[in-house]
């Protein structure tokens, strides 16, 4: 569809035409339906000119939109609300859509798995998975790498690895491993597929945190280990306090964000 979708704390979602990146982006559509900052987006392409957009906000609300591009490179995007519901009690930090499933992680200390589109407004959520802290990062590996049936959640300073088979969607995720990964909240997770010198494919998860570090974890080795995994003491001693590189204004903004999560 040659579009870019952006969301903002100004409670809007904007749709941009990206057909000619040598020119300023042209706005194709604007969504003003949310009453709180829009924190996460997911998009599912239907045809070359249509798709389904999921928008999630800091109130825990998800809205689903049909997008239809009109003819021509400068044609506007027709936006139609398809569904609107609140699967979480508070802010949604990440959302993923693929293969008829929606996964979302929230500051309400859960992540959910649900079937989409919903059959009715009273449809029950398929799985609600409780966590020990706010889920600020979620990585459904089975949506990215179909051969891997894992979901990785960043809950507080811990990484939790689940097994989940989408072909048996009714079966709940199984917790396989919990890693004490950081000294502060995990903010982002990403996957790294690496080929070793022995031509072996290694699956790694990368984690970023408010403790000012990036870390990498070999998933297969982690799951094989019988030891309780925690942040290596030789890297960060228990008394570790990250050096403060924040300005006074950034410290105030961080304090406000932390207060919002309480």
Foldseek 3Di string as FASTA:
>chain_A
DQWDWDFFQVQKIWIWHRPDVVDPIDTQDMDNPGPGGWAEKEWADDDPFWTKIWIFGFQQKIWIWIWGFDDDSNGHIDIDTDDIDRPDRGGWQYWYDDDQWIWTFFQNQWIFIAGPPDPDPPDDTLDIGGHPGGFQEKDQVCRVPVVAQWIWTFGWQKIWIWGHDVVPSNDDTHTQAIESHDPGGWNYKDWDWDQDPVRDTWIKMWIDGPQGDIDIDGVVVRSPDPDHHYHDCVVAPPVDRRDDPDDPVVVVVVVVVVVVSD
